């Protein structure tokens, strides 16, 4: 999904970089207010995890790649702004040191994988979680199913955004990405519909483990816009009761 240099015209990558400047301002301002001592190691871990996941690429004919990202998992644990910061760090290192993703396309890559994916994925996660809470499934099971949907939806919408950015170039910036929307969208989306299953399963497995064994890590304070704070609160106080597990020490103390 990494967009290389030379595939987006100056107008596209310039606008997306300006958009990211605004989002980075709000994300880092939010982190300055809400980043607690327990969030810092998780933020570093999520940045490292995303960096590793994104190094395993499947080539796509239009010049980019398909791969897992881990952005929705980061958003579930840290909030979507936390995912934005973690993905920005990982993508910057990849662009500067490994040539994976262009320097001029850095803003576009962060917008797709560090904004579209975590924000849409966490909204899908919250929506499915609300629906499942009406049933009798265990809380770790509910969180795992919701996480699968969030990971799948987030990855595919991020890939769709990248495909649209590619596909618009022949019309608005001739000489850059050569394929129109009729080629770029099927090429990107078809592969990510399959990769999204792996992304969803991996996100679900980690969230299930955390909900069952370390619910306190799902209850970390979320880095998110104010309008999302209420919907992101995790009520996992009875997470272990259906499966007969003990509560984590931090959960008993009230978490962060």
Foldseek 3Di string as FASTA:
>chain_A
DFDAPQFFDLVVLVVLLVVVVVLLVLLVVLCVVAVDPVNVVVLQVQLVVQLVFVVDWDDFVLGATDTAGSLQLQCLQANLSSSLVSPLVSLVCCCPPPVRHYPSNSSVLSCLRRPQLNVQLVVQLLVQLVVCVVDDDFNLQSNLVSQLRSQLVSRLSSLQSVLQSSQCCCVPPPRGRDHHSVPSNCRRNVVSNVNSNVRSNVSSVVSSCCLAPPVLSSQRQHSYPPVCRVSSHDPSLCNNVVVPDDYDPCVVVPHD
